Amino acid sequence: MKIANFIIDKNSPVFIIAELSANHNGSIKTAIETVRAAKRAGANCIKLQTFTADTITLDSKNKDFKINQGTLWDGQYLHDLYKSTHLPWAWHKQLMQVAKDEGLICFSSPFDPSSVDFLETLNVPAYKIASFEITDIPLIELVASKGKPIIISTGIAEIKDIELALDACRRMGNND
């Protein structure tokens, strides 16, 4: 597999991906500083997450949408949490340029079709499927149809989930 100018195979050095995620705390300055810190720490890549609160969950105050599992986010509703922590789409282009200037590869985990469409306008070199999305076969097929390398997280998956995700990629002609 090749992502941008980095070959990933058994003979290659480790490919280190730094996760920006919601670690920007709502500040583009913090996001940029994090990208630069990732480079200083030896990362090869910075990975973003691309979604909006409206595309990842419902705006519901139903008890099923309230976090109560003994976490940092207890008492918050999912939509409110995602709205406050998502990476604004308006920042993506600038962060990708900062990453490029730092010599880092930059790609993202999309969580819905509109995110994939947006990332295609930025010409991302690869995609990552988050572990919670491994069963979202339509999303995986859409990403695979773009013909770019895909990294699929398998953290919560069963073997059958992994096989279905890989089959979806292959059906779309994507073996990377």
C-alpha atoms as a PDB file:
ATOM      1  CA  MET A   1       0.000   0.000   0.000  1.00  0.00           C
ATOM      2  CA  LYS A   2       1.151   3.524  -0.704  1.00  0.00           C
ATOM      3  CA  ILE A   3      -0.284   6.593   1.012  1.00  0.00           C
ATOM      4  CA  ALA A   4       0.982   9.768  -0.639  1.00  0.00           C
ATOM      5  CA  ASN A   5       4.747   9.173  -0.837  1.00  0.00           C
ATOM      6  CA  PHE A   6       4.918   6.590   1.970  1.00  0.00           C
ATOM      7  CA  ILE A   7       5.046   2.901   1.105  1.00  0.00           C
ATOM      8  CA  ILE A   8       3.511   0.671   3.755  1.00  0.00           C
ATOM      9  CA  ASP A   9       4.579  -2.949   3.626  1.00  0.00           C
ATOM     10  CA  LYS A  10       6.475  -5.482   5.721  1.00  0.00           C
ATOM     11  CA  ASN A  11       9.814  -3.963   4.654  1.00  0.00           C
ATOM     12  CA  SER A  12       8.871  -0.352   5.427  1.00  0.00           C
ATOM     13  CA  PRO A  13       9.515   1.592   8.590  1.00  0.00           C
ATOM     14  CA  VAL A  14       6.586   2.072  10.937  1.00  0.00           C
ATOM     15  CA  PHE A  15       3.966   4.535   9.668  1.00  0.00           C
ATOM     16  CA  ILE A  16       3.039   6.711  12.648  1.00  0.00           C
ATOM     17  CA  ILE A  17      -0.380   8.368  12.561  1.00  0.00           C
ATOM     18  CA  ALA A  18      -1.116  11.162  15.044  1.00  0.00           C
ATOM     19  CA  GLU A  19      -4.788  11.665  15.836  1.00  0.00           C
ATOM     20  CA  LEU A  20      -6.062  15.235  16.021  1.00  0.00           C
ATOM     21  CA  SER A  21      -9.675  14.264  16.768  1.00  0.00           C
ATOM     22  CA  ALA A  22     -11.252  16.723  19.207  1.00  0.00           C
ATOM     23  CA  ASN A  23      -7.950  17.638  20.820  1.00  0.00           C
ATOM     24  CA  HIS A  24      -8.206  21.182  19.449  1.00  0.00           C
ATOM     25  CA  ASN A  25     -10.598  22.295  22.214  1.00  0.00           C
ATOM     26  CA  GLY A  26     -12.392  24.530  19.722  1.00  0.00           C
ATOM     27  CA  SER A  27      -9.257  26.478  18.785  1.00  0.00           C
ATOM     28  CA  ILE A  28      -7.705  26.521  15.308  1.00  0.00           C
ATOM     29  CA  LYS A  29      -4.491  27.740  16.940  1.00  0.00           C
ATOM     30  CA  THR A  30      -4.416  24.661  19.179  1.00  0.00           C
ATOM     31  CA  ALA A  31      -5.171  22.439  16.186  1.00  0.00           C
ATOM     32  CA  ILE A  32      -2.251  23.931  14.230  1.00  0.00           C
ATOM     33  CA  GLU A  33       0.067  23.617  17.229  1.00  0.00           C
ATOM     34  CA  THR A  34      -0.977  19.964  17.576  1.00  0.00           C
ATOM     35  CA  VAL A  35      -0.128  19.261  13.932  1.00  0.00           C
ATOM     36  CA  ARG A  36       3.309  20.807  14.413  1.00  0.00           C
ATOM     37  CA  ALA A  37       3.834  18.913  17.676  1.00  0.00           C
ATOM     38  CA  ALA A  38       2.962  15.662  15.897  1.00  0.00           C
ATOM     39  CA  LYS A  39       5.745  16.329  13.412  1.00  0.00           C
ATOM     40  CA  ARG A  40       8.235  17.088  16.186  1.00  0.00           C
ATOM     41  CA  ALA A  41       7.207  13.856  17.919  1.00  0.00           C
ATOM     42  CA  GLY A  42       8.065  11.829  14.812  1.00  0.00           C
ATOM     43  CA  ALA A  43       4.664  11.245  13.237  1.00  0.00           C
ATOM     44  CA  ASN A  44       4.409  10.634   9.499  1.00  0.00           C
ATOM     45  CA  CYS A  45       0.760  11.561   9.310  1.00  0.00           C
ATOM     46  CA  ILE A  46      -1.951  13.556  11.030  1.00  0.00           C
ATOM     47  CA  LYS A  47      -5.472  12.156  10.932  1.00  0.00           C
ATOM     48  CA  LEU A  48      -8.585  14.246  11.227  1.00  0.00           C
ATOM     49  CA  GLN A  49     -12.190  13.255  11.861  1.00  0.00           C
ATOM     50  CA  THR A  50     -14.813  14.633   9.509  1.00  0.00           C
ATOM     51  CA  PHE A  51     -18.418  14.832  10.669  1.00  0.00           C
ATOM     52  CA  THR A  52     -20.973  17.242  12.031  1.00  0.00           C
ATOM     53  CA  ALA A  53     -23.237  16.663  15.000  1.00  0.00           C
ATOM     54  CA  ASP A  54     -26.206  16.484  12.627  1.00  0.00           C
ATOM     55  CA  THR A  55     -24.623  13.792  10.446  1.00  0.00           C
ATOM     56  CA  ILE A  56     -23.433  11.574  13.286  1.00  0.00           C
ATOM     57  CA  THR A  57     -26.446  11.556  15.643  1.00  0.00           C
ATOM     58  CA  LEU A  58     -29.925  12.913  16.259  1.00  0.00           C
ATOM     59  CA  ASP A  59     -30.554  16.119  18.166  1.00  0.00           C
ATOM     60  CA  SER A  60     -32.551  14.364  20.861  1.00  0.00           C
ATOM     61  CA  LYS A  61     -32.945  14.885  24.580  1.00  0.00           C
ATOM     62  CA  ASN A  62     -34.232  11.326  24.947  1.00  0.00           C
ATOM     63  CA  LYS A  63     -32.525   9.426  27.779  1.00  0.00           C
ATOM     64  CA  ASP A  64     -31.020   7.039  25.216  1.00  0.00           C
ATOM     65  CA  PHE A  65     -28.978   9.945  23.846  1.00  0.00           C
ATOM     66  CA  LYS A  66     -27.639  11.023  27.242  1.00  0.00           C
ATOM     67  CA  ILE A  67     -24.197   9.836  28.302  1.00  0.00           C
ATOM     68  CA  ASN A  68     -24.296   8.136  31.699  1.00  0.00           C
ATOM     69  CA  GLN A  69     -21.505   5.591  31.691  1.00  0.00           C
ATOM     70  CA  GLY A  70     -19.060   6.984  34.215  1.00  0.00           C
ATOM     71  CA  THR A  71     -17.074   9.013  31.688  1.00  0.00           C
ATOM     72  CA  LEU A  72     -15.780  12.545  31.412  1.00  0.00           C
ATOM     73  CA  TRP A  73     -18.881  13.366  29.356  1.00  0.00           C
ATOM     74  CA  ASP A  74     -21.539  12.133  31.792  1.00  0.00           C
ATOM     75  CA  GLY A  75     -24.709  14.181  31.708  1.00  0.00           C
ATOM     76  CA  GLN A  76     -24.148  15.457  28.159  1.00  0.00           C
ATOM     77  CA  TYR A  77     -26.332  14.563  25.229  1.00  0.00           C
ATOM     78  CA  LEU A  78     -24.582  13.080  22.207  1.00  0.00           C
ATOM     79  CA  HIS A  79     -25.575  15.858  19.802  1.00  0.00           C
ATOM     80  CA  ASP A  80     -24.322  18.545  22.184  1.00  0.00           C
ATOM     81  CA  LEU A  81     -21.041  16.698  22.724  1.00  0.00           C
ATOM     82  CA  TYR A  82     -20.410  16.196  19.006  1.00  0.00           C
ATOM     83  CA  LYS A  83     -21.374  19.791  18.244  1.00  0.00           C
ATOM     84  CA  SER A  84     -18.816  21.092  20.730  1.00  0.00           C
ATOM     85  CA  THR A  85     -15.998  18.711  19.796  1.00  0.00           C
ATOM     86  CA  HIS A  86     -16.175  18.260  16.019  1.00  0.00           C
ATOM     87  CA  LEU A  87     -13.422  19.639  13.823  1.00  0.00           C
ATOM     88  CA  PRO A  88     -15.012  22.477  11.843  1.00  0.00           C
ATOM     89  CA  TRP A  89     -14.972  21.724   8.136  1.00  0.00           C
ATOM     90  CA  ALA A  90     -13.735  25.255   7.496  1.00  0.00           C
ATOM     91  CA  TRP A  91     -10.467  24.286   9.228  1.00  0.00           C
ATOM     92  CA  HIS A  92      -9.689  21.193   7.162  1.00  0.00           C
ATOM     93  CA  LYS A  93      -8.016  22.929   4.227  1.00  0.00           C
ATOM     94  CA  GLN A  94      -5.791  25.074   6.450  1.00  0.00           C
ATOM     95  CA  LEU A  95      -4.805  22.109   8.637  1.00  0.00           C
ATOM     96  CA  MET A  96      -4.001  20.039   5.567  1.00  0.00           C
ATOM     97  CA  GLN A  97      -1.762  22.848   4.307  1.00  0.00           C
ATOM     98  CA  VAL A  98      -0.005  23.121   7.675  1.00  0.00           C
ATOM     99  CA  ALA A  99       0.513  19.353   7.630  1.00  0.00           C
ATOM    100  CA  LYS A 100       1.930  19.530   4.108  1.00  0.00           C
ATOM    101  CA  ASP A 101       4.237  22.398   5.076  1.00  0.00           C
ATOM    102  CA  GLU A 102       5.462  20.270   7.998  1.00  0.00           C
ATOM    103  CA  GLY A 103       6.071  17.286   5.712  1.00  0.00           C
ATOM    104  CA  LEU A 104       3.149  15.307   7.114  1.00  0.00           C
ATOM    105  CA  ILE A 105       0.561  13.323   5.233  1.00  0.00           C
ATOM    106  CA  CYS A 106      -2.980  14.303   6.213  1.00  0.00           C
ATOM    107  CA  PHE A 107      -6.153  12.293   5.793  1.00  0.00           C
ATOM    108  CA  SER A 108      -9.374  11.760   7.697  1.00  0.00           C
ATOM    109  CA  SER A 109     -12.007   9.410   9.035  1.00  0.00           C
ATOM    110  CA  PRO A 110     -15.341  10.294   7.431  1.00  0.00           C
ATOM    111  CA  PHE A 111     -18.502   9.287   9.246  1.00  0.00           C
ATOM    112  CA  ASP A 112     -21.107   9.837   6.534  1.00  0.00           C
ATOM    113  CA  PRO A 113     -21.422  10.337   2.749  1.00  0.00           C
ATOM    114  CA  SER A 114     -21.370  14.147   2.936  1.00  0.00           C
ATOM    115  CA  SER A 115     -18.027  13.923   4.754  1.00  0.00           C
ATOM    116  CA  VAL A 116     -16.618  11.727   1.986  1.00  0.00           C
ATOM    117  CA  ASP A 117     -17.831  14.179  -0.654  1.00  0.00           C
ATOM    118  CA  PHE A 118     -16.231  17.066   1.235  1.00  0.00           C
ATOM    119  CA  LEU A 119     -12.926  15.220   1.698  1.00  0.00           C
ATOM    120  CA  GLU A 120     -12.828  14.436  -2.013  1.00  0.00           C
ATOM    121  CA  THR A 121     -12.857  18.198  -2.725  1.00  0.00           C
ATOM    122  CA  LEU A 122      -9.669  18.372  -0.635  1.00  0.00           C
ATOM    123  CA  ASN A 123      -8.094  15.445  -2.490  1.00  0.00           C
ATOM    124  CA  VAL A 124      -7.181  13.452   0.610  1.00  0.00           C
ATOM    125  CA  PRO A 125      -4.645  10.716  -0.216  1.00  0.00           C
ATOM    126  CA  ALA A 126      -6.347   8.031   1.902  1.00  0.00           C
ATOM    127  CA  TYR A 127      -9.187   7.333   4.284  1.00  0.00           C
ATOM    128  CA  LYS A 128      -9.526   5.686   7.668  1.00  0.00           C
ATOM    129  CA  ILE A 129     -12.672   3.903   8.730  1.00  0.00           C
ATOM    130  CA  ALA A 130     -13.258   4.237  12.474  1.00  0.00           C
ATOM    131  CA  SER A 131     -13.869   1.032  14.395  1.00  0.00           C
ATOM    132  CA  PHE A 132     -17.465   2.001  15.165  1.00  0.00           C
ATOM    133  CA  GLU A 133     -18.094   2.379  11.417  1.00  0.00           C
ATOM    134  CA  ILE A 134     -16.773  -1.047  10.381  1.00  0.00           C
ATOM    135  CA  THR A 135     -20.341  -2.310   9.995  1.00  0.00           C
ATOM    136  CA  ASP A 136     -21.425   0.702   7.906  1.00  0.00           C
ATOM    137  CA  ILE A 137     -21.035  -1.141   4.614  1.00  0.00           C
ATOM    138  CA  PRO A 138     -22.579   1.641   2.459  1.00  0.00           C
ATOM    139  CA  LEU A 139     -20.013   4.100   3.878  1.00  0.00           C
ATOM    140  CA  ILE A 140     -17.163   1.651   3.295  1.00  0.00           C
ATOM    141  CA  GLU A 141     -18.352   1.038  -0.274  1.00  0.00           C
ATOM    142  CA  LEU A 142     -18.507   4.776  -0.939  1.00  0.00           C
ATOM    143  CA  VAL A 143     -15.009   5.317   0.448  1.00  0.00           C
ATOM    144  CA  ALA A 144     -13.678   2.297  -1.472  1.00  0.00           C
ATOM    145  CA  SER A 145     -15.219   3.611  -4.700  1.00  0.00           C
ATOM    146  CA  LYS A 146     -12.839   6.580  -4.533  1.00  0.00           C
ATOM    147  CA  GLY A 147      -9.931   4.244  -5.301  1.00  0.00           C
ATOM    148  CA  LYS A 148      -7.722   5.503  -2.486  1.00  0.00           C
ATOM    149  CA  PRO A 149      -6.005   3.464   0.225  1.00  0.00           C
ATOM    150  CA  ILE A 150      -8.163   2.685   3.246  1.00  0.00           C
ATOM    151  CA  ILE A 151      -7.138   1.880   6.793  1.00  0.00           C
ATOM    152  CA  ILE A 152      -9.929   0.119   8.669  1.00  0.00           C
ATOM    153  CA  SER A 153      -9.877   0.066  12.463  1.00  0.00           C
ATOM    154  CA  THR A 154     -10.944  -3.291  13.829  1.00  0.00           C
ATOM    155  CA  GLY A 155     -10.943  -2.509  17.561  1.00  0.00           C
ATOM    156  CA  ILE A 156     -14.521  -3.550  18.298  1.00  0.00           C
ATOM    157  CA  ALA A 157     -15.058  -5.819  15.314  1.00  0.00           C
ATOM    158  CA  GLU A 158     -15.685  -9.506  15.084  1.00  0.00           C
ATOM    159  CA  ILE A 159     -14.018 -11.519  12.312  1.00  0.00           C
ATOM    160  CA  LYS A 160     -17.274 -11.534  10.306  1.00  0.00           C
ATOM    161  CA  ASP A 161     -17.381  -7.701  10.459  1.00  0.00           C
ATOM    162  CA  ILE A 162     -13.827  -7.485   9.148  1.00  0.00           C
ATOM    163  CA  GLU A 163     -14.617  -9.928   6.341  1.00  0.00           C
ATOM    164  CA  LEU A 164     -17.727  -7.954   5.329  1.00  0.00           C
ATOM    165  CA  ALA A 165     -15.773  -4.685   5.307  1.00  0.00           C
ATOM    166  CA  LEU A 166     -12.985  -6.189   3.193  1.00  0.00           C
ATOM    167  CA  ASP A 167     -15.528  -7.750   0.829  1.00  0.00           C
ATOM    168  CA  ALA A 168     -17.146  -4.316   0.412  1.00  0.00           C
ATOM    169  CA  CYS A 169     -13.791  -2.798  -0.538  1.00  0.00           C
ATOM    170  CA  ARG A 170     -13.046  -5.562  -3.017  1.00  0.00           C
ATOM    171  CA  ARG A 171     -16.529  -5.302  -4.579  1.00  0.00           C
ATOM    172  CA  MET A 172     -15.743  -1.676  -5.317  1.00  0.00           C
ATOM    173  CA  GLY A 173     -12.421  -2.650  -6.908  1.00  0.00           C
ATOM    174  CA  ASN A 174     -10.318  -1.321  -4.045  1.00  0.00           C
ATOM    175  CA  ASN A 175      -7.676  -3.711  -2.760  1.00  0.00           C
ATOM    176  CA  ASP A 176      -5.657  -1.029  -0.944  1.00  0.00           C
END
